[in-house]
C-alpha atoms as a PDB file:
ATOM      1  CA  UNK A   1      -0.926  -7.272  15.940  1.00  0.00           C
ATOM      2  CA  UNK A   2       2.148  -5.246  15.009  1.00  0.00           C
ATOM      3  CA  UNK A   3       5.227  -6.139  13.425  1.00  0.00           C
ATOM      4  CA  UNK A   4       7.222  -6.112  16.626  1.00  0.00           C
ATOM      5  CA  UNK A   5       5.451  -9.036  17.648  1.00  0.00           C
ATOM      6  CA  UNK A   6       7.091 -10.970  14.898  1.00  0.00           C
ATOM      7  CA  UNK A   7      10.684 -12.263  15.001  1.00  0.00           C
ATOM      8  CA  UNK A   8      13.329 -11.842  12.277  1.00  0.00           C
ATOM      9  CA  UNK A   9      12.928 -15.324  11.495  1.00  0.00           C
ATOM     10  CA  UNK A  10       8.996 -15.261  10.956  1.00  0.00           C
ATOM     11  CA  UNK A  11       9.423 -11.948   9.026  1.00  0.00           C
ATOM     12  CA  UNK A  12      12.076 -13.762   6.866  1.00  0.00           C
ATOM     13  CA  UNK A  13       9.598 -16.937   6.443  1.00  0.00           C
ATOM     14  CA  UNK A  14       6.916 -14.562   5.438  1.00  0.00           C
ATOM     15  CA  UNK A  15       8.843 -12.909   2.643  1.00  0.00           C
ATOM     16  CA  UNK A  16      10.148 -16.344   1.425  1.00  0.00           C
ATOM     17  CA  UNK A  17       6.344 -17.793   1.317  1.00  0.00           C
ATOM     18  CA  UNK A  18       5.373 -14.538  -0.547  1.00  0.00           C
ATOM     19  CA  UNK A  19       7.927 -14.801  -3.137  1.00  0.00           C
ATOM     20  CA  UNK A  20       7.257 -18.768  -3.727  1.00  0.00           C
ATOM     21  CA  UNK A  21       3.669 -17.937  -4.055  1.00  0.00           C
ATOM     22  CA  UNK A  22       4.323 -15.286  -6.677  1.00  0.00           C
ATOM     23  CA  UNK A  23       6.540 -17.566  -8.506  1.00  0.00           C
ATOM     24  CA  UNK A  24       3.616 -20.269  -8.696  1.00  0.00           C
ATOM     25  CA  UNK A  25       1.347 -17.483 -10.079  1.00  0.00           C
ATOM     26  CA  UNK A  26       3.512 -16.646 -12.991  1.00  0.00           C
ATOM     27  CA  UNK A  27       2.488 -18.555 -16.131  1.00  0.00           C
ATOM     28  CA  UNK A  28       5.975 -19.354 -17.416  1.00  0.00           C
ATOM     29  CA  UNK A  29       8.309 -22.194 -17.097  1.00  0.00           C
ATOM     30  CA  UNK A  30      11.310 -19.620 -16.087  1.00  0.00           C
ATOM     31  CA  UNK A  31       8.921 -17.785 -13.502  1.00  0.00           C
ATOM     32  CA  UNK A  32      11.937 -17.550 -11.169  1.00  0.00           C
ATOM     33  CA  UNK A  33      13.987 -15.780 -13.449  1.00  0.00           C
ATOM     34  CA  UNK A  34      11.371 -13.277 -14.612  1.00  0.00           C
ATOM     35  CA  UNK A  35      10.641 -12.438 -11.022  1.00  0.00           C
ATOM     36  CA  UNK A  36      14.473 -11.753 -10.560  1.00  0.00           C
ATOM     37  CA  UNK A  37      14.340  -9.191 -13.232  1.00  0.00           C
ATOM     38  CA  UNK A  38      12.141  -6.915 -11.072  1.00  0.00           C
ATOM     39  CA  UNK A  39      14.521  -7.334  -7.979  1.00  0.00           C
ATOM     40  CA  UNK A  40      18.146  -6.812  -7.037  1.00  0.00           C
ATOM     41  CA  UNK A  41      18.009  -3.057  -7.926  1.00  0.00           C
ATOM     42  CA  UNK A  42      21.532  -1.365  -6.959  1.00  0.00           C
ATOM     43  CA  UNK A  43      21.493   1.691  -4.122  1.00  0.00           C
ATOM     44  CA  UNK A  44      22.097   4.797  -6.264  1.00  0.00           C
ATOM     45  CA  UNK A  45      21.590   7.241  -3.287  1.00  0.00           C
ATOM     46  CA  UNK A  46      25.191   8.391  -3.746  1.00  0.00           C
ATOM     47  CA  UNK A  47      24.837   8.689  -7.453  1.00  0.00           C
ATOM     48  CA  UNK A  48      23.195  12.203  -7.987  1.00  0.00           C
ATOM     49  CA  UNK A  49      21.411  12.838 -11.456  1.00  0.00           C
ATOM     50  CA  UNK A  50      20.799  16.639 -12.698  1.00  0.00           C
ATOM     51  CA  UNK A  51      18.018  18.793 -11.308  1.00  0.00           C
ATOM     52  CA  UNK A  52      16.203  18.623 -14.500  1.00  0.00           C
ATOM     53  CA  UNK A  53      16.017  14.727 -14.377  1.00  0.00           C
ATOM     54  CA  UNK A  54      14.811  15.012 -10.664  1.00  0.00           C
ATOM     55  CA  UNK A  55      12.180  17.344 -11.754  1.00  0.00           C
ATOM     56  CA  UNK A  56      11.244  14.890 -14.688  1.00  0.00           C
ATOM     57  CA  UNK A  57      11.173  11.953 -12.399  1.00  0.00           C
ATOM     58  CA  UNK A  58       9.141  13.494  -9.689  1.00  0.00           C
ATOM     59  CA  UNK A  59       6.319  14.375 -12.327  1.00  0.00           C
ATOM     60  CA  UNK A  60       6.562  10.697 -13.561  1.00  0.00           C
ATOM     61  CA  UNK A  61       5.705   9.488 -10.029  1.00  0.00           C
ATOM     62  CA  UNK A  62       3.141  12.232  -9.292  1.00  0.00           C
ATOM     63  CA  UNK A  63       0.923  11.078 -12.573  1.00  0.00           C
ATOM     64  CA  UNK A  64       1.089   7.377 -11.230  1.00  0.00           C
ATOM     65  CA  UNK A  65      -1.764   8.265  -8.821  1.00  0.00           C
ATOM     66  CA  UNK A  66      -5.332   7.019  -9.360  1.00  0.00           C
ATOM     67  CA  UNK A  67      -6.184   7.273 -13.135  1.00  0.00           C
ATOM     68  CA  UNK A  68      -3.521  10.131 -13.632  1.00  0.00           C
ATOM     69  CA  UNK A  69      -1.386   8.116 -15.823  1.00  0.00           C
ATOM     70  CA  UNK A  70      -4.100   7.131 -18.332  1.00  0.00           C
ATOM     71  CA  UNK A  71      -5.202  10.914 -18.414  1.00  0.00           C
ATOM     72  CA  UNK A  72      -1.883  12.577 -18.641  1.00  0.00           C
ATOM     73  CA  UNK A  73       0.992  10.421 -19.680  1.00  0.00           C
ATOM     74  CA  UNK A  74      -0.753   7.968 -21.977  1.00  0.00           C
ATOM     75  CA  UNK A  75      -2.598  11.407 -23.624  1.00  0.00           C
ATOM     76  CA  UNK A  76       0.633  12.896 -24.723  1.00  0.00           C
ATOM     77  CA  UNK A  77       2.783  11.593 -27.325  1.00  0.00           C
ATOM     78  CA  UNK A  78       6.113  10.798 -25.738  1.00  0.00           C
ATOM     79  CA  UNK A  79       4.375  10.711 -22.266  1.00  0.00           C
ATOM     80  CA  UNK A  80       5.787  12.897 -19.424  1.00  0.00           C
ATOM     81  CA  UNK A  81       9.128  13.269 -21.215  1.00  0.00           C
ATOM     82  CA  UNK A  82       7.260  15.489 -23.785  1.00  0.00           C
ATOM     83  CA  UNK A  83       6.292  17.852 -21.153  1.00  0.00           C
ATOM     84  CA  UNK A  84       9.937  19.166 -21.567  1.00  0.00           C
ATOM     85  CA  UNK A  85       8.857  21.127 -24.416  1.00  0.00           C
ATOM     86  CA  UNK A  86       6.660  23.435 -22.361  1.00  0.00           C
ATOM     87  CA  UNK A  87       8.840  23.091 -19.079  1.00  0.00           C
ATOM     88  CA  UNK A  88      12.122  24.276 -20.650  1.00  0.00           C
ATOM     89  CA  UNK A  89      13.542  20.869 -20.342  1.00  0.00           C
ATOM     90  CA  UNK A  90      12.628  20.545 -17.029  1.00  0.00           C
ATOM     91  CA  UNK A  91      14.117  23.706 -15.568  1.00  0.00           C
ATOM     92  CA  UNK A  92      12.461  24.836 -12.641  1.00  0.00           C
ATOM     93  CA  UNK A  93      13.652  28.477 -12.409  1.00  0.00           C
ATOM     94  CA  UNK A  94      12.458  28.893 -16.136  1.00  0.00           C
ATOM     95  CA  UNK A  95       9.165  27.257 -15.270  1.00  0.00           C
ATOM     96  CA  UNK A  96       8.300  29.473 -12.387  1.00  0.00           C
ATOM     97  CA  UNK A  97       9.489  32.678 -14.214  1.00  0.00           C
ATOM     98  CA  UNK A  98       7.015  31.612 -17.460  1.00  0.00           C
ATOM     99  CA  UNK A  99       3.958  30.328 -15.619  1.00  0.00           C
ATOM    100  CA  UNK A 100       2.481  32.628 -13.062  1.00  0.00           C
ATOM    101  CA  UNK A 101      -0.332  29.976 -12.522  1.00  0.00           C
ATOM    102  CA  UNK A 102      -1.770  26.675 -13.251  1.00  0.00           C
ATOM    103  CA  UNK A 103      -4.241  28.332 -15.882  1.00  0.00           C
ATOM    104  CA  UNK A 104      -1.319  29.574 -18.252  1.00  0.00           C
ATOM    105  CA  UNK A 105       0.608  26.340 -17.963  1.00  0.00           C
ATOM    106  CA  UNK A 106      -2.420  24.473 -18.898  1.00  0.00           C
ATOM    107  CA  UNK A 107      -3.175  26.523 -21.886  1.00  0.00           C
ATOM    108  CA  UNK A 108       0.430  26.009 -23.319  1.00  0.00           C
ATOM    109  CA  UNK A 109      -0.069  22.276 -22.573  1.00  0.00           C
ATOM    110  CA  UNK A 110      -2.998  22.224 -24.550  1.00  0.00           C
ATOM    111  CA  UNK A 111      -1.811  24.493 -27.443  1.00  0.00           C
ATOM    112  CA  UNK A 112       1.821  22.781 -27.933  1.00  0.00           C
ATOM    113  CA  UNK A 113       1.294  19.220 -26.815  1.00  0.00           C
ATOM    114  CA  UNK A 114      -2.439  18.772 -27.817  1.00  0.00           C
ATOM    115  CA  UNK A 115      -3.304  15.829 -25.255  1.00  0.00           C
ATOM    116  CA  UNK A 116      -5.738  13.450 -26.592  1.00  0.00           C
ATOM    117  CA  UNK A 117      -9.086  13.409 -25.068  1.00  0.00           C
ATOM    118  CA  UNK A 118     -11.100  16.103 -23.150  1.00  0.00           C
ATOM    119  CA  UNK A 119      -9.011  18.554 -21.222  1.00  0.00           C
ATOM    120  CA  UNK A 120     -11.459  19.533 -18.277  1.00  0.00           C
ATOM    121  CA  UNK A 121     -10.802  23.011 -16.806  1.00  0.00           C
ATOM    122  CA  UNK A 122     -12.898  22.085 -13.635  1.00  0.00           C
ATOM    123  CA  UNK A 123     -11.177  22.905 -10.306  1.00  0.00           C
ATOM    124  CA  UNK A 124     -10.529  19.407  -9.175  1.00  0.00           C
ATOM    125  CA  UNK A 125     -10.206  18.034 -12.600  1.00  0.00           C
ATOM    126  CA  UNK A 126      -6.827  15.605 -13.232  1.00  0.00           C
ATOM    127  CA  UNK A 127      -5.055  18.051 -15.657  1.00  0.00           C
ATOM    128  CA  UNK A 128      -5.660  21.077 -13.327  1.00  0.00           C
ATOM    129  CA  UNK A 129      -4.566  19.388 -10.284  1.00  0.00           C
ATOM    130  CA  UNK A 130      -1.589  18.171 -12.266  1.00  0.00           C
ATOM    131  CA  UNK A 131      -0.664  21.691 -13.360  1.00  0.00           C
ATOM    132  CA  UNK A 132      -0.526  22.535  -9.694  1.00  0.00           C
ATOM    133  CA  UNK A 133       1.758  19.609  -9.003  1.00  0.00           C
ATOM    134  CA  UNK A 134       4.107  20.845 -11.723  1.00  0.00           C
ATOM    135  CA  UNK A 135       4.516  24.263 -10.574  1.00  0.00           C
ATOM    136  CA  UNK A 136       4.721  23.297  -6.749  1.00  0.00           C
ATOM    137  CA  UNK A 137       7.393  20.849  -7.839  1.00  0.00           C
ATOM    138  CA  UNK A 138       9.293  23.465  -9.631  1.00  0.00           C
ATOM    139  CA  UNK A 139       9.012  25.518  -6.433  1.00  0.00           C
ATOM    140  CA  UNK A 140      10.551  22.676  -4.570  1.00  0.00           C
ATOM    141  CA  UNK A 141      13.481  21.726  -6.804  1.00  0.00           C
ATOM    142  CA  UNK A 142      14.293  25.584  -7.070  1.00  0.00           C
ATOM    143  CA  UNK A 143      15.526  25.397  -3.486  1.00  0.00           C
ATOM    144  CA  UNK A 144      18.458  23.487  -4.769  1.00  0.00           C
ATOM    145  CA  UNK A 145      21.179  24.651  -6.915  1.00  0.00           C
ATOM    146  CA  UNK A 146      21.745  21.232  -8.620  1.00  0.00           C
ATOM    147  CA  UNK A 147      21.138  17.850  -7.943  1.00  0.00           C
ATOM    148  CA  UNK A 148      24.116  17.075  -5.567  1.00  0.00           C
ATOM    149  CA  UNK A 149      22.710  19.378  -3.183  1.00  0.00           C
ATOM    150  CA  UNK A 150      19.357  17.670  -3.441  1.00  0.00           C
ATOM    151  CA  UNK A 151      21.190  14.357  -2.830  1.00  0.00           C
ATOM    152  CA  UNK A 152      23.022  16.004   0.104  1.00  0.00           C
ATOM    153  CA  UNK A 153      19.820  17.002   1.724  1.00  0.00           C
ATOM    154  CA  UNK A 154      18.243  13.876   1.172  1.00  0.00           C
ATOM    155  CA  UNK A 155      21.052  11.572   2.474  1.00  0.00           C
ATOM    156  CA  UNK A 156      20.849  13.440   5.589  1.00  0.00           C
ATOM    157  CA  UNK A 157      17.729  11.672   6.197  1.00  0.00           C
ATOM    158  CA  UNK A 158      18.301   8.539   4.421  1.00  0.00           C
ATOM    159  CA  UNK A 159      21.504   7.658   6.025  1.00  0.00           C
ATOM    160  CA  UNK A 160      19.748   7.782   9.431  1.00  0.00           C
ATOM    161  CA  UNK A 161      17.441   4.908  10.063  1.00  0.00           C
ATOM    162  CA  UNK A 162      15.700   6.921  12.765  1.00  0.00           C
ATOM    163  CA  UNK A 163      14.817   9.859  10.439  1.00  0.00           C
ATOM    164  CA  UNK A 164      14.402   7.737   7.134  1.00  0.00           C
ATOM    165  CA  UNK A 165      10.550   7.907   7.354  1.00  0.00           C
ATOM    166  CA  UNK A 166      10.542  11.743   7.454  1.00  0.00           C
ATOM    167  CA  UNK A 167      12.012  12.161   4.254  1.00  0.00           C
ATOM    168  CA  UNK A 168       9.093  11.334   2.240  1.00  0.00           C
ATOM    169  CA  UNK A 169       6.836  13.075   4.500  1.00  0.00           C
ATOM    170  CA  UNK A 170       8.576  16.497   3.947  1.00  0.00           C
ATOM    171  CA  UNK A 171       8.654  16.033   0.107  1.00  0.00           C
ATOM    172  CA  UNK A 172       4.778  15.350   0.323  1.00  0.00           C
ATOM    173  CA  UNK A 173       4.263  18.046   2.443  1.00  0.00           C
ATOM    174  CA  UNK A 174       5.909  20.607  -0.217  1.00  0.00           C
ATOM    175  CA  UNK A 175       4.651  19.175  -3.527  1.00  0.00           C
ATOM    176  CA  UNK A 176       0.948  19.331  -4.111  1.00  0.00           C
ATOM    177  CA  UNK A 177      -0.843  16.001  -5.296  1.00  0.00           C
ATOM    178  CA  UNK A 178       2.038  13.961  -4.121  1.00  0.00           C
ATOM    179  CA  UNK A 179       1.394  12.095  -0.988  1.00  0.00           C
ATOM    180  CA  UNK A 180       3.635   9.981   1.243  1.00  0.00           C
ATOM    181  CA  UNK A 181       3.419   6.922  -1.170  1.00  0.00           C
ATOM    182  CA  UNK A 182       4.017   8.612  -4.347  1.00  0.00           C
ATOM    183  CA  UNK A 183       7.198  10.255  -2.725  1.00  0.00           C
ATOM    184  CA  UNK A 184       8.454   6.953  -1.573  1.00  0.00           C
ATOM    185  CA  UNK A 185       7.935   5.782  -5.142  1.00  0.00           C
ATOM    186  CA  UNK A 186       9.829   8.749  -6.222  1.00  0.00           C
ATOM    187  CA  UNK A 187      13.005   8.171  -4.306  1.00  0.00           C
ATOM    188  CA  UNK A 188      13.110   4.294  -4.607  1.00  0.00           C
ATOM    189  CA  UNK A 189      12.879   4.589  -8.137  1.00  0.00           C
ATOM    190  CA  UNK A 190      15.683   7.056  -8.035  1.00  0.00           C
ATOM    191  CA  UNK A 191      18.031   4.236  -6.093  1.00  0.00           C
ATOM    192  CA  UNK A 192      17.210   4.947  -2.611  1.00  0.00           C
ATOM    193  CA  UNK A 193      16.034   1.460  -2.557  1.00  0.00           C
ATOM    194  CA  UNK A 194      15.664   1.181   1.421  1.00  0.00           C
ATOM    195  CA  UNK A 195      12.295   2.748   0.769  1.00  0.00           C
ATOM    196  CA  UNK A 196       9.279   0.974  -0.332  1.00  0.00           C
ATOM    197  CA  UNK A 197       5.943   2.453  -1.363  1.00  0.00           C
ATOM    198  CA  UNK A 198       3.275   1.792   1.069  1.00  0.00           C
ATOM    199  CA  UNK A 199       0.241   1.760  -1.334  1.00  0.00           C
ATOM    200  CA  UNK A 200      -3.030   0.022  -1.151  1.00  0.00           C
ATOM    201  CA  UNK A 201      -1.922  -3.233  -2.252  1.00  0.00           C
ATOM    202  CA  UNK A 202       1.013  -3.355   0.680  1.00  0.00           C
ATOM    203  CA  UNK A 203      -1.638  -2.273   3.032  1.00  0.00           C
ATOM    204  CA  UNK A 204      -4.157  -4.825   2.092  1.00  0.00           C
ATOM    205  CA  UNK A 205      -1.575  -7.720   2.402  1.00  0.00           C
ATOM    206  CA  UNK A 206      -0.025  -6.397   5.638  1.00  0.00           C
ATOM    207  CA  UNK A 207      -3.404  -6.052   7.297  1.00  0.00           C
ATOM    208  CA  UNK A 208      -4.607  -9.369   5.909  1.00  0.00           C
ATOM    209  CA  UNK A 209      -1.388 -11.074   7.132  1.00  0.00           C
ATOM    210  CA  UNK A 210      -1.887  -9.731  10.672  1.00  0.00           C
ATOM    211  CA  UNK A 211       1.241  -7.842  10.388  1.00  0.00           C
ATOM    212  CA  UNK A 212      -0.577  -4.735  11.301  1.00  0.00           C
ATOM    213  CA  UNK A 213      -3.900  -3.346  12.534  1.00  0.00           C
ATOM    214  CA  UNK A 214      -6.274  -2.160   9.999  1.00  0.00           C
ATOM    215  CA  UNK A 215      -6.001   1.512   8.683  1.00  0.00           C
ATOM    216  CA  UNK A 216      -2.263   1.685   9.332  1.00  0.00           C
ATOM    217  CA  UNK A 217      -0.251   5.033   9.025  1.00  0.00           C
ATOM    218  CA  UNK A 218       1.924   5.323   5.914  1.00  0.00           C
ATOM    219  CA  UNK A 219       4.802   5.340   8.415  1.00  0.00           C
ATOM    220  CA  UNK A 220       3.873   2.035  10.101  1.00  0.00           C
ATOM    221  CA  UNK A 221       3.661   0.304   6.708  1.00  0.00           C
ATOM    222  CA  UNK A 222       7.453   1.753   5.834  1.00  0.00           C
ATOM    223  CA  UNK A 223       8.621   0.392   9.004  1.00  0.00           C
ATOM    224  CA  UNK A 224       7.264  -3.096   8.450  1.00  0.00           C
ATOM    225  CA  UNK A 225       8.713  -3.080   4.892  1.00  0.00           C
ATOM    226  CA  UNK A 226      11.970  -2.060   6.321  1.00  0.00           C
ATOM    227  CA  UNK A 227      11.776  -4.859   9.327  1.00  0.00           C
ATOM    228  CA  UNK A 228      11.226  -7.705   6.621  1.00  0.00           C
ATOM    229  CA  UNK A 229      14.120  -6.140   4.723  1.00  0.00           C
ATOM    230  CA  UNK A 230      16.372  -6.096   7.457  1.00  0.00           C
ATOM    231  CA  UNK A 231      15.399  -9.755   8.497  1.00  0.00           C
ATOM    232  CA  UNK A 232      16.115 -10.934   4.614  1.00  0.00           C
ATOM    233  CA  UNK A 233      19.291  -8.790   4.388  1.00  0.00           C
ATOM    234  CA  UNK A 234      17.754  -7.349   1.279  1.00  0.00           C
ATOM    235  CA  UNK A 235      16.503  -3.823   0.359  1.00  0.00           C
ATOM    236  CA  UNK A 236      13.233  -2.515   1.153  1.00  0.00           C
ATOM    237  CA  UNK A 237      12.842  -2.036  -2.782  1.00  0.00           C
ATOM    238  CA  UNK A 238      12.718  -6.114  -3.209  1.00  0.00           C
ATOM    239  CA  UNK A 239      10.209  -6.368  -0.364  1.00  0.00           C
ATOM    240  CA  UNK A 240       7.844  -4.007  -1.940  1.00  0.00           C
ATOM    241  CA  UNK A 241       8.091  -5.312  -5.417  1.00  0.00           C
ATOM    242  CA  UNK A 242       7.235  -8.862  -4.230  1.00  0.00           C
ATOM    243  CA  UNK A 243       4.033  -7.976  -2.487  1.00  0.00           C
ATOM    244  CA  UNK A 244       3.208  -5.210  -4.998  1.00  0.00           C
ATOM    245  CA  UNK A 245       3.568  -8.021  -7.773  1.00  0.00           C
ATOM    246  CA  UNK A 246       1.275  -9.996  -5.739  1.00  0.00           C
ATOM    247  CA  UNK A 247      -1.301  -7.302  -5.383  1.00  0.00           C
ATOM    248  CA  UNK A 248      -1.155  -5.815  -8.789  1.00  0.00           C
ATOM    249  CA  UNK A 249      -0.378  -8.711 -11.173  1.00  0.00           C
ATOM    250  CA  UNK A 250       1.565  -6.069 -13.367  1.00  0.00           C
ATOM    251  CA  UNK A 251       4.504  -7.737 -14.996  1.00  0.00           C
ATOM    252  CA  UNK A 252       4.855  -4.557 -17.353  1.00  0.00           C
ATOM    253  CA  UNK A 253       8.566  -5.857 -18.386  1.00  0.00           C
ATOM    254  CA  UNK A 254       6.999  -9.174 -19.711  1.00  0.00           C
ATOM    255  CA  UNK A 255       3.877  -8.245 -21.784  1.00  0.00           C
ATOM    256  CA  UNK A 256       3.536 -11.554 -23.345  1.00  0.00           C
ATOM    257  CA  UNK A 257       2.388 -12.657 -19.769  1.00  0.00           C
ATOM    258  CA  UNK A 258      -1.448 -12.482 -19.708  1.00  0.00           C
ATOM    259  CA  UNK A 259      -2.972  -9.262 -21.165  1.00  0.00           C
ATOM    260  CA  UNK A 260      -0.328  -6.866 -21.744  1.00  0.00           C
ATOM    261  CA  UNK A 261       1.919  -8.448 -18.641  1.00  0.00           C
ATOM    262  CA  UNK A 262      -1.158  -8.302 -16.395  1.00  0.00           C
ATOM    263  CA  UNK A 263      -1.712 -11.849 -14.736  1.00  0.00           C
ATOM    264  CA  UNK A 264      -4.374 -10.567 -12.378  1.00  0.00           C
ATOM    265  CA  UNK A 265      -4.452  -9.774  -8.845  1.00  0.00           C
ATOM    266  CA  UNK A 266      -3.642 -12.366  -6.425  1.00  0.00           C
ATOM    267  CA  UNK A 267      -3.520 -10.807  -2.898  1.00  0.00           C
ATOM    268  CA  UNK A 268      -6.681 -12.165  -1.640  1.00  0.00           C
ATOM    269  CA  UNK A 269      -5.618 -15.570  -2.780  1.00  0.00           C
ATOM    270  CA  UNK A 270      -2.351 -15.157  -0.937  1.00  0.00           C
ATOM    271  CA  UNK A 271      -3.887 -14.057   2.152  1.00  0.00           C
ATOM    272  CA  UNK A 272      -6.164 -16.955   2.232  1.00  0.00           C
ATOM    273  CA  UNK A 273      -3.339 -19.302   1.607  1.00  0.00           C
ATOM    274  CA  UNK A 274      -1.515 -17.800   4.465  1.00  0.00           C
ATOM    275  CA  UNK A 275      -4.233 -18.110   6.725  1.00  0.00           C
ATOM    276  CA  UNK A 276      -4.455 -21.773   6.324  1.00  0.00           C
ATOM    277  CA  UNK A 277      -3.902 -23.431   9.598  1.00  0.00           C
ATOM    278  CA  UNK A 278      -0.777 -25.628   8.379  1.00  0.00           C
ATOM    279  CA  UNK A 279       0.637 -22.312   7.002  1.00  0.00           C
ATOM    280  CA  UNK A 280      -0.069 -20.201   9.997  1.00  0.00           C
ATOM    281  CA  UNK A 281       1.633 -22.791  12.408  1.00  0.00           C
ATOM    282  CA  UNK A 282       4.814 -22.853  10.243  1.00  0.00           C
ATOM    283  CA  UNK A 283       5.117 -18.930  10.051  1.00  0.00           C
ATOM    284  CA  UNK A 284       3.718 -17.602  13.275  1.00  0.00           C
END
C-alpha cells in the first residue's frame, strides 16, 4: 500500500493521532507544551550562512550516523566545533591545501585534539572514514565562492517540488559517508524545513502503518513525509520530528524526562495502537 491510496484527510488524521499518542507518552503535565518546543521551526532557506558554517554543520550531521557521534563528537572536548582547530576554522580551500590525504588529517587530529578512546587506523574504522568525509566535504564546498552561492544552487531544487528529492541525492553522491538521510538532516537543520530525514524510525513506522511497502526507497519515504505535511499545512520538519520522537524517544532538550531526556522508543506501541480495529476504521 502506497501513500497515493490515502486521501489528504486520512494523512491528516494519521499525523493528528501520532501527535496525540506522543503527547500521552511524555511523562509531564505540560507534555503538549514540551512537544511544541521541537516543532514550528521557521524556513531559513532564504537566509544564507557563511561557507565555513555550512562546512561545520555538514560535519556535524555526518557524525550523527550510527555510533559516530559517540566515537567522534563526544571524544573531543568541544565536540565537532573543536575540529576547527585543525580545519583552519572550517575553510575548505585551506583544508584541501594542507591535507593531501586522510592519514595526514587523522595524524593532525590525534596530535592537536587528542581524542579520548582508541583511534583505530584500520581502513574501515570510524575515524578513518570520517576523515575521508571531512576531505570530500571540503572538495564539495570548495566549488562555491561563498554561502550565498550554495544557497542559490540549493534553492534551484528546493523551490521546485518536482526536483526537491534530487538535492539530498546530489549531496550524498558528492560527499563520502553522507547518505541520503544524512543529507536531508543537514538541509532541514539549515532551515530547509520542507525536508524530513527518512531514517530507520520513519521507515519502520511508515511500513508498520501501511503507508508504503517494505524496503521503501529514501525518495518514497521523503515523498510520504511531504504529502503528510501538505495535508496538514505544516512543514516536513514537523512531520519528521513527531514520528522521529515516537521512534527514538529522545527529548534531548528536556533531560529531566526519563534518563537524560530519553523516555524510550514507542514505535511498536504506536503501530500496534494504530492497527487496533477501531482505530484503523477511523483513519483509513
